């Protein structure tokens, strides 16, 4: 038994649906595909269709896209996180988002079609899937509200409070783009000028 696999499934499940019984967790473990990813490698590229939900076992990933020739970070994920390109996965259409490894990483791919089959036979798996989608919607809403209503300093403080791993591990250029700032603005926020 892959110890990292069990630890990753437990972390991912506990983050969304901690009440899931051991049997449900085992059903998920049985269909996961382990993949080692090098730093800088893309798990999914623009124009591809996302066929998997990704559990991060080790390392850090980011979701990003290009807008007006600039690379914009949408989301960071690290150990225990779940990554999904929602629109591409649900509609099985090409994505605008890319997923890149910021560190050498071990991920577990949860094939969407196999997950859907499990949702039909297991109430718990169905509930877990629902919780993944609910969480993704909430994260999107919180991020949109942050962009609308918070100052640069407030956005940075929220990131420090809720995702300190990102501050410690992600390149500053990616943190700046995630917070909708220039690297110069981020530098001023970090030094307390803003």
Foldseek 3Di string as FASTA:
>chain_A
DPPLLLQQLCLQCCVQPNPDDPVVSVLQSVQWDKDKDAAFDWPAAFFAADQWKKGWSAAKKWKWADDPNDIFTADMDGRSHIHDQPVRNVVVGGDRIIMGTNHGTMMITRGSVSLVVVVVVDVSSVSSVVRVVVVVVVVVVVLVVCVVDPDLLVLVVCCCVPPVVCVVRPDLCRVQSNSVHHSVVVVCSVVVVD
